[in-house]
Amino acid sequence: MYKSTLTAIALATTLTASSVFAEAHAVQANIHTITVDGGKIYTDSKGMSLYTFDKDTKGTSNCNDGCAVKWPPLMAVDAAKGEGQFSVITRADGTHQWAVDGMALYTWFKDKKSGDMTGDGVKGVWHIAKP
């Protein structure tokens, strides 16, 4: 009985710690997953769809100036730390941006509500970010 109780307490503590860690990491990254049209996509903290850009390379954003007005980068605070598939890259202007699998993440100025994906396929180089 004593051994079973300790095992249950250890399991509960581990599950709670894992949930707290995952929740804290999601808050730091401001990246969430939602289901839209039967598939999962990444969104920012407001539920706005996130996109990747074919002209970027891993670890480098090539969307600056006017491009970044239409495709706002998912900015990260200076102290942000990536983990797993999520990382923080440094943009040309020295600011920081979230990336998934090394590819910078952006929103699209024409998306107006959570779940909108109007930027998917724009000019054949913008794609919805998916898990």
N, C-alpha and C. Protein backbone atom coordinates (compact mmCIF):
# COMPACT_ATOMS: atom_id res chain seq x y z
N MET A 1 0.83 -1.20 0.00
CA MET A 1 0.00 0.00 0.00
C MET A 1 0.87 1.25 0.00
N TYR A 2 1.89 1.27 0.87
CA TYR A 2 2.77 2.41 0.98
C TYR A 2 3.45 2.68 -0.36
N LYS A 3 3.93 1.61 -1.02
CA LYS A 3 4.60 1.72 -2.31
C LYS A 3 3.64 2.25 -3.38
N SER A 4 2.41 1.77 -3.37
CA SER A 4 1.40 2.23 -4.34
C SER A 4 1.09 3.69 -4.14
N THR A 5 1.00 4.14 -2.90
CA THR A 5 0.71 5.54 -2.60
C THR A 5 1.85 6.42 -3.10
N LEU A 6 3.09 6.00 -2.85
CA LEU A 6 4.24 6.78 -3.32
C LEU A 6 4.28 6.84 -4.84
N THR A 7 3.99 5.74 -5.48
CA THR A 7 3.96 5.72 -6.94
C THR A 7 2.90 6.67 -7.47
N ALA A 8 1.72 6.66 -6.88
CA ALA A 8 0.63 7.55 -7.30
C ALA A 8 1.01 9.01 -7.09
N ILE A 9 1.64 9.31 -5.96
CA ILE A 9 2.06 10.70 -5.68
C ILE A 9 3.13 11.12 -6.69
N ALA A 10 4.09 10.25 -6.97
CA ALA A 10 5.15 10.58 -7.92
C ALA A 10 4.57 10.81 -9.31
N LEU A 11 3.63 9.96 -9.72
CA LEU A 11 2.99 10.12 -11.02
C LEU A 11 2.21 11.42 -11.10
N ALA A 12 1.45 11.73 -10.07
CA ALA A 12 0.66 12.97 -10.05
C ALA A 12 1.57 14.19 -10.10
N THR A 13 2.68 14.14 -9.36
CA THR A 13 3.62 15.26 -9.34
C THR A 13 4.24 15.44 -10.72
N THR A 14 4.63 14.34 -11.37
CA THR A 14 5.23 14.41 -12.70
C THR A 14 4.24 14.96 -13.72
N LEU A 15 3.01 14.50 -13.69
CA LEU A 15 2.00 14.99 -14.63
C LEU A 15 1.72 16.46 -14.42
N THR A 16 1.63 16.88 -13.16
CA THR A 16 1.38 18.29 -12.86
C THR A 16 2.55 19.14 -13.33
N ALA A 17 3.77 18.71 -13.05
CA ALA A 17 4.95 19.47 -13.46
C ALA A 17 5.02 19.55 -14.98
N SER A 18 4.72 18.46 -15.67
CA SER A 18 4.74 18.47 -17.14
C SER A 18 3.71 19.44 -17.69
N SER A 19 2.51 19.46 -17.13
CA SER A 19 1.46 20.36 -17.59
C SER A 19 1.85 21.80 -17.35
N VAL A 20 2.41 22.08 -16.19
CA VAL A 20 2.82 23.45 -15.87
C VAL A 20 3.92 23.89 -16.82
N PHE A 21 4.91 23.01 -17.09
CA PHE A 21 5.99 23.36 -18.00
C PHE A 21 5.44 23.65 -19.39
N ALA A 22 4.59 22.76 -19.88
CA ALA A 22 4.03 22.93 -21.23
C ALA A 22 3.24 24.23 -21.32
N GLU A 23 2.45 24.52 -20.30
CA GLU A 23 1.65 25.74 -20.29
C GLU A 23 2.56 26.97 -20.27
N ALA A 24 3.60 26.96 -19.45
CA ALA A 24 4.51 28.10 -19.36
C ALA A 24 5.23 28.29 -20.68
N HIS A 25 5.65 27.19 -21.32
CA HIS A 25 6.35 27.30 -22.60
C HIS A 25 5.43 27.88 -23.67
N ALA A 26 4.19 27.43 -23.71
CA ALA A 26 3.24 27.94 -24.70
C ALA A 26 3.01 29.43 -24.50
N VAL A 27 2.92 29.87 -23.25
CA VAL A 27 2.71 31.29 -22.97
C VAL A 27 3.92 32.08 -23.45
N GLN A 28 5.13 31.58 -23.17
CA GLN A 28 6.34 32.28 -23.58
C GLN A 28 6.39 32.40 -25.11
N ALA A 29 6.07 31.34 -25.80
CA ALA A 29 6.17 31.33 -27.25
C ALA A 29 4.99 32.00 -27.93
N ASN A 30 3.86 32.09 -27.25
CA ASN A 30 2.65 32.64 -27.85
C ASN A 30 2.22 31.85 -29.07
N ILE A 31 2.57 30.58 -29.12
CA ILE A 31 2.21 29.72 -30.24
C ILE A 31 1.24 28.66 -29.74
N HIS A 32 0.14 28.54 -30.45
CA HIS A 32 -0.90 27.59 -30.07
C HIS A 32 -1.26 26.73 -31.28
N THR A 33 -1.96 25.65 -31.04
CA THR A 33 -2.44 24.78 -32.11
C THR A 33 -3.96 24.78 -32.06
N ILE A 34 -4.60 24.98 -33.21
CA ILE A 34 -6.05 24.88 -33.30
C ILE A 34 -6.40 23.96 -34.46
N THR A 35 -7.62 23.47 -34.45
CA THR A 35 -8.10 22.63 -35.54
C THR A 35 -9.01 23.46 -36.43
N VAL A 36 -8.70 23.50 -37.72
CA VAL A 36 -9.47 24.25 -38.70
C VAL A 36 -9.69 23.33 -39.90
N ASP A 37 -10.93 23.24 -40.34
CA ASP A 37 -11.25 22.40 -41.51
C ASP A 37 -10.65 21.00 -41.39
N GLY A 38 -10.72 20.45 -40.18
CA GLY A 38 -10.27 19.08 -39.96
C GLY A 38 -8.77 18.90 -39.82
N GLY A 39 -8.00 19.98 -39.89
CA GLY A 39 -6.55 19.89 -39.74
C GLY A 39 -6.04 20.83 -38.67
N LYS A 40 -4.87 20.55 -38.15
CA LYS A 40 -4.27 21.40 -37.11
C LYS A 40 -3.33 22.42 -37.74
N ILE A 41 -3.36 23.63 -37.19
CA ILE A 41 -2.47 24.70 -37.64
C ILE A 41 -1.92 25.42 -36.43
N TYR A 42 -0.81 26.12 -36.62
CA TYR A 42 -0.26 26.96 -35.56
C TYR A 42 -0.88 28.35 -35.64
N THR A 43 -1.14 28.92 -34.45
CA THR A 43 -1.65 30.29 -34.36
C THR A 43 -0.86 31.05 -33.31
N ASP A 44 -1.03 32.37 -33.33
CA ASP A 44 -0.44 33.20 -32.28
C ASP A 44 -1.39 33.23 -31.09
N SER A 45 -1.10 34.04 -30.10
CA SER A 45 -1.91 34.09 -28.88
C SER A 45 -3.32 34.62 -29.11
N LYS A 46 -3.55 35.29 -30.24
CA LYS A 46 -4.88 35.80 -30.57
C LYS A 46 -5.66 34.85 -31.47
N GLY A 47 -5.05 33.70 -31.78
CA GLY A 47 -5.71 32.73 -32.65
C GLY A 47 -5.51 33.00 -34.13
N MET A 48 -4.62 33.94 -34.45
CA MET A 48 -4.37 34.26 -35.86
C MET A 48 -3.38 33.25 -36.45
N SER A 49 -3.68 32.81 -37.65
CA SER A 49 -2.87 31.78 -38.32
C SER A 49 -1.43 32.25 -38.49
N LEU A 50 -0.51 31.28 -38.41
CA LEU A 50 0.91 31.55 -38.62
C LEU A 50 1.35 30.92 -39.94
N TYR A 51 2.30 31.60 -40.58
CA TYR A 51 2.76 31.21 -41.91
C TYR A 51 4.28 31.12 -41.97
N THR A 52 4.76 30.35 -42.95
CA THR A 52 6.17 30.33 -43.29
C THR A 52 6.33 30.85 -44.72
N PHE A 53 7.55 31.26 -45.05
CA PHE A 53 7.87 31.92 -46.31
C PHE A 53 8.97 31.13 -47.02
N ASP A 54 8.71 30.68 -48.24
CA ASP A 54 9.68 29.86 -48.98
C ASP A 54 11.00 30.57 -49.24
N LYS A 55 11.01 31.90 -49.27
CA LYS A 55 12.24 32.63 -49.57
C LYS A 55 13.13 32.79 -48.33
N ASP A 56 12.64 32.37 -47.16
CA ASP A 56 13.47 32.32 -45.96
C ASP A 56 14.35 31.08 -46.03
N THR A 57 15.43 31.10 -45.27
CA THR A 57 16.22 29.90 -45.07
C THR A 57 16.20 29.61 -43.57
N LYS A 58 16.56 28.40 -43.19
CA LYS A 58 16.53 28.05 -41.76
C LYS A 58 17.38 29.04 -40.98
N GLY A 59 16.75 29.65 -39.98
CA GLY A 59 17.45 30.60 -39.12
C GLY A 59 17.53 32.02 -39.65
N THR A 60 16.98 32.27 -40.85
CA THR A 60 17.06 33.60 -41.45
C THR A 60 15.72 34.02 -42.03
N SER A 61 15.26 35.23 -41.63
CA SER A 61 14.06 35.81 -42.21
C SER A 61 14.47 36.73 -43.36
N ASN A 62 13.84 36.55 -44.50
CA ASN A 62 14.09 37.42 -45.65
C ASN A 62 12.89 38.32 -45.95
N CYS A 63 11.98 38.43 -44.98
CA CYS A 63 10.81 39.29 -45.12
C CYS A 63 11.02 40.51 -44.23
N ASN A 64 11.41 41.60 -44.85
CA ASN A 64 11.71 42.83 -44.12
C ASN A 64 10.98 44.00 -44.78
N ASP A 65 11.05 45.15 -44.14
CA ASP A 65 10.47 46.39 -44.67
C ASP A 65 9.01 46.21 -45.09
N GLY A 66 8.67 46.48 -46.36
CA GLY A 66 7.28 46.39 -46.82
C GLY A 66 6.70 44.99 -46.68
N CYS A 67 7.53 43.99 -46.88
CA CYS A 67 7.08 42.61 -46.71
C CYS A 67 6.60 42.39 -45.27
N ALA A 68 7.36 42.88 -44.31
CA ALA A 68 7.02 42.69 -42.89
C ALA A 68 5.80 43.49 -42.46
N VAL A 69 5.39 44.47 -43.27
CA VAL A 69 4.15 45.20 -42.98
C VAL A 69 2.96 44.29 -43.32
N LYS A 70 3.03 43.62 -44.46
CA LYS A 70 1.96 42.72 -44.86
C LYS A 70 2.02 41.38 -44.14
N TRP A 71 3.21 40.98 -43.77
CA TRP A 71 3.44 39.69 -43.10
C TRP A 71 4.16 39.96 -41.78
N PRO A 72 3.45 40.47 -40.77
CA PRO A 72 4.11 40.80 -39.50
C PRO A 72 4.78 39.58 -38.87
N PRO A 73 6.06 39.71 -38.53
CA PRO A 73 6.76 38.61 -37.88
C PRO A 73 6.17 38.31 -36.51
N LEU A 74 6.22 37.04 -36.10
CA LEU A 74 5.82 36.67 -34.74
C LEU A 74 7.02 36.97 -33.86
N MET A 75 7.00 38.15 -33.25
CA MET A 75 8.14 38.65 -32.50
C MET A 75 8.32 37.91 -31.18
N ALA A 76 9.58 37.83 -30.76
CA ALA A 76 9.93 37.20 -29.49
C ALA A 76 10.68 38.24 -28.66
N VAL A 77 10.50 38.20 -27.35
CA VAL A 77 11.24 39.09 -26.47
C VAL A 77 12.70 38.66 -26.47
N ASP A 78 13.59 39.58 -26.14
CA ASP A 78 15.02 39.30 -26.17
C ASP A 78 15.41 38.08 -25.33
N ALA A 79 14.74 37.87 -24.22
CA ALA A 79 15.10 36.78 -23.30
C ALA A 79 14.43 35.45 -23.67
N ALA A 80 13.64 35.42 -24.74
CA ALA A 80 12.92 34.20 -25.11
C ALA A 80 13.90 33.09 -25.46
N LYS A 81 13.54 31.88 -25.07
CA LYS A 81 14.35 30.70 -25.35
C LYS A 81 13.50 29.67 -26.09
N GLY A 82 14.00 29.18 -27.17
CA GLY A 82 13.30 28.15 -27.91
C GLY A 82 13.50 26.79 -27.27
N GLU A 83 12.64 25.86 -27.66
CA GLU A 83 12.77 24.49 -27.19
C GLU A 83 12.09 23.57 -28.18
N GLY A 84 12.69 22.41 -28.38
CA GLY A 84 12.12 21.45 -29.32
C GLY A 84 12.15 22.03 -30.72
N GLN A 85 11.02 21.95 -31.39
CA GLN A 85 10.96 22.44 -32.77
C GLN A 85 10.89 23.96 -32.85
N PHE A 86 10.64 24.63 -31.72
CA PHE A 86 10.52 26.09 -31.72
C PHE A 86 11.85 26.73 -31.33
N SER A 87 12.23 27.75 -32.09
CA SER A 87 13.47 28.46 -31.81
C SER A 87 13.23 29.96 -31.98
N VAL A 88 14.21 30.73 -31.59
CA VAL A 88 14.17 32.18 -31.75
C VAL A 88 15.31 32.55 -32.68
N ILE A 89 14.98 33.30 -33.73
CA ILE A 89 16.01 33.74 -34.68
C ILE A 89 16.18 35.26 -34.55
N THR A 90 17.33 35.75 -34.97
CA THR A 90 17.60 37.19 -34.95
C THR A 90 17.38 37.73 -36.35
N ARG A 91 16.52 38.74 -36.44
CA ARG A 91 16.20 39.37 -37.72
C ARG A 91 17.31 40.35 -38.12
N ALA A 92 17.29 40.80 -39.35
CA ALA A 92 18.30 41.72 -39.88
C ALA A 92 18.42 43.00 -39.05
N ASP A 93 17.30 43.43 -38.44
CA ASP A 93 17.32 44.66 -37.64
C ASP A 93 17.71 44.41 -36.18
N GLY A 94 18.05 43.17 -35.85
CA GLY A 94 18.48 42.83 -34.49
C GLY A 94 17.36 42.39 -33.56
N THR A 95 16.11 42.49 -34.00
CA THR A 95 15.00 42.02 -33.17
C THR A 95 14.91 40.50 -33.30
N HIS A 96 14.06 39.91 -32.46
CA HIS A 96 13.95 38.45 -32.43
C HIS A 96 12.57 37.99 -32.88
N GLN A 97 12.56 36.83 -33.51
CA GLN A 97 11.34 36.28 -34.09
C GLN A 97 11.27 34.79 -33.81
N TRP A 98 10.05 34.29 -33.57
CA TRP A 98 9.85 32.86 -33.36
C TRP A 98 9.94 32.12 -34.69
N ALA A 99 10.43 30.89 -34.62
CA ALA A 99 10.54 30.03 -35.79
C ALA A 99 10.12 28.61 -35.40
N VAL A 100 9.67 27.86 -36.38
CA VAL A 100 9.36 26.44 -36.18
C VAL A 100 10.24 25.66 -37.16
N ASP A 101 10.94 24.68 -36.63
CA ASP A 101 11.89 23.91 -37.44
C ASP A 101 12.85 24.84 -38.18
N GLY A 102 13.22 25.95 -37.53
CA GLY A 102 14.16 26.90 -38.09
C GLY A 102 13.57 27.93 -39.04
N MET A 103 12.30 27.75 -39.42
CA MET A 103 11.67 28.66 -40.37
C MET A 103 10.87 29.73 -39.63
N ALA A 104 11.13 30.98 -39.95
CA ALA A 104 10.47 32.12 -39.30
C ALA A 104 8.95 32.03 -39.44
N LEU A 105 8.26 32.53 -38.41
CA LEU A 105 6.79 32.52 -38.39
C LEU A 105 6.24 33.94 -38.53
N TYR A 106 5.16 34.05 -39.29
CA TYR A 106 4.53 35.34 -39.59
C TYR A 106 3.02 35.22 -39.48
N THR A 107 2.36 36.37 -39.32
CA THR A 107 0.91 36.46 -39.51
C THR A 107 0.69 37.15 -40.85
N TRP A 108 -0.56 37.33 -41.25
CA TRP A 108 -0.90 37.95 -42.55
C TRP A 108 -1.91 39.04 -42.31
N PHE A 109 -1.65 40.23 -42.82
CA PHE A 109 -2.48 41.40 -42.52
C PHE A 109 -3.92 41.27 -42.99
N LYS A 110 -4.21 40.40 -43.93
CA LYS A 110 -5.59 40.24 -44.41
C LYS A 110 -6.42 39.25 -43.58
N ASP A 111 -5.78 38.46 -42.73
CA ASP A 111 -6.54 37.60 -41.84
C ASP A 111 -7.19 38.49 -40.77
N LYS A 112 -8.49 38.34 -40.59
CA LYS A 112 -9.22 39.23 -39.68
C LYS A 112 -9.70 38.55 -38.40
N LYS A 113 -9.89 37.22 -38.45
CA LYS A 113 -10.39 36.53 -37.25
C LYS A 113 -9.68 35.20 -37.10
N SER A 114 -9.76 34.66 -35.90
CA SER A 114 -9.14 33.38 -35.59
C SER A 114 -9.57 32.32 -36.61
N GLY A 115 -8.59 31.59 -37.11
CA GLY A 115 -8.89 30.54 -38.07
C GLY A 115 -8.84 30.96 -39.52
N ASP A 116 -8.83 32.28 -39.80
CA ASP A 116 -8.67 32.73 -41.19
C ASP A 116 -7.32 32.23 -41.70
N MET A 117 -7.29 31.78 -42.96
CA MET A 117 -6.05 31.31 -43.57
C MET A 117 -5.91 31.89 -44.98
N THR A 118 -6.26 33.17 -45.13
CA THR A 118 -6.28 33.78 -46.47
C THR A 118 -4.89 33.95 -47.06
N GLY A 119 -3.85 33.83 -46.25
CA GLY A 119 -2.49 33.98 -46.76
C GLY A 119 -1.90 32.69 -47.31
N ASP A 120 -2.57 31.57 -47.07
CA ASP A 120 -2.02 30.28 -47.52
C ASP A 120 -1.97 30.24 -49.05
N GLY A 121 -0.76 30.06 -49.58
CA GLY A 121 -0.58 29.97 -51.03
C GLY A 121 -0.34 31.29 -51.73
N VAL A 122 -0.31 32.41 -51.01
CA VAL A 122 -0.09 33.71 -51.66
C VAL A 122 1.23 33.67 -52.45
N LYS A 123 1.14 34.03 -53.73
CA LYS A 123 2.27 34.06 -54.67
C LYS A 123 3.03 32.74 -54.70
N GLY A 124 2.41 31.68 -54.20
CA GLY A 124 3.03 30.36 -54.22
C GLY A 124 4.19 30.18 -53.24
N VAL A 125 4.43 31.19 -52.37
CA VAL A 125 5.58 31.12 -51.47
C VAL A 125 5.23 31.23 -49.98
N TRP A 126 3.96 31.47 -49.67
CA TRP A 126 3.52 31.58 -48.29
C TRP A 126 2.64 30.38 -47.95
N HIS A 127 2.93 29.75 -46.80
CA HIS A 127 2.23 28.52 -46.43
C HIS A 127 1.84 28.54 -44.96
N ILE A 128 0.66 28.00 -44.69
CA ILE A 128 0.19 27.89 -43.32
C ILE A 128 1.16 26.98 -42.55
N ALA A 129 1.50 27.38 -41.33
CA ALA A 129 2.40 26.56 -40.50
C ALA A 129 1.58 25.49 -39.79
N LYS A 130 2.01 24.25 -39.94
CA LYS A 130 1.29 23.12 -39.36
C LYS A 130 2.21 22.29 -38.49
N PRO A 131 1.63 21.68 -37.46
CA PRO A 131 2.44 20.77 -36.61
C PRO A 131 2.86 19.52 -37.38
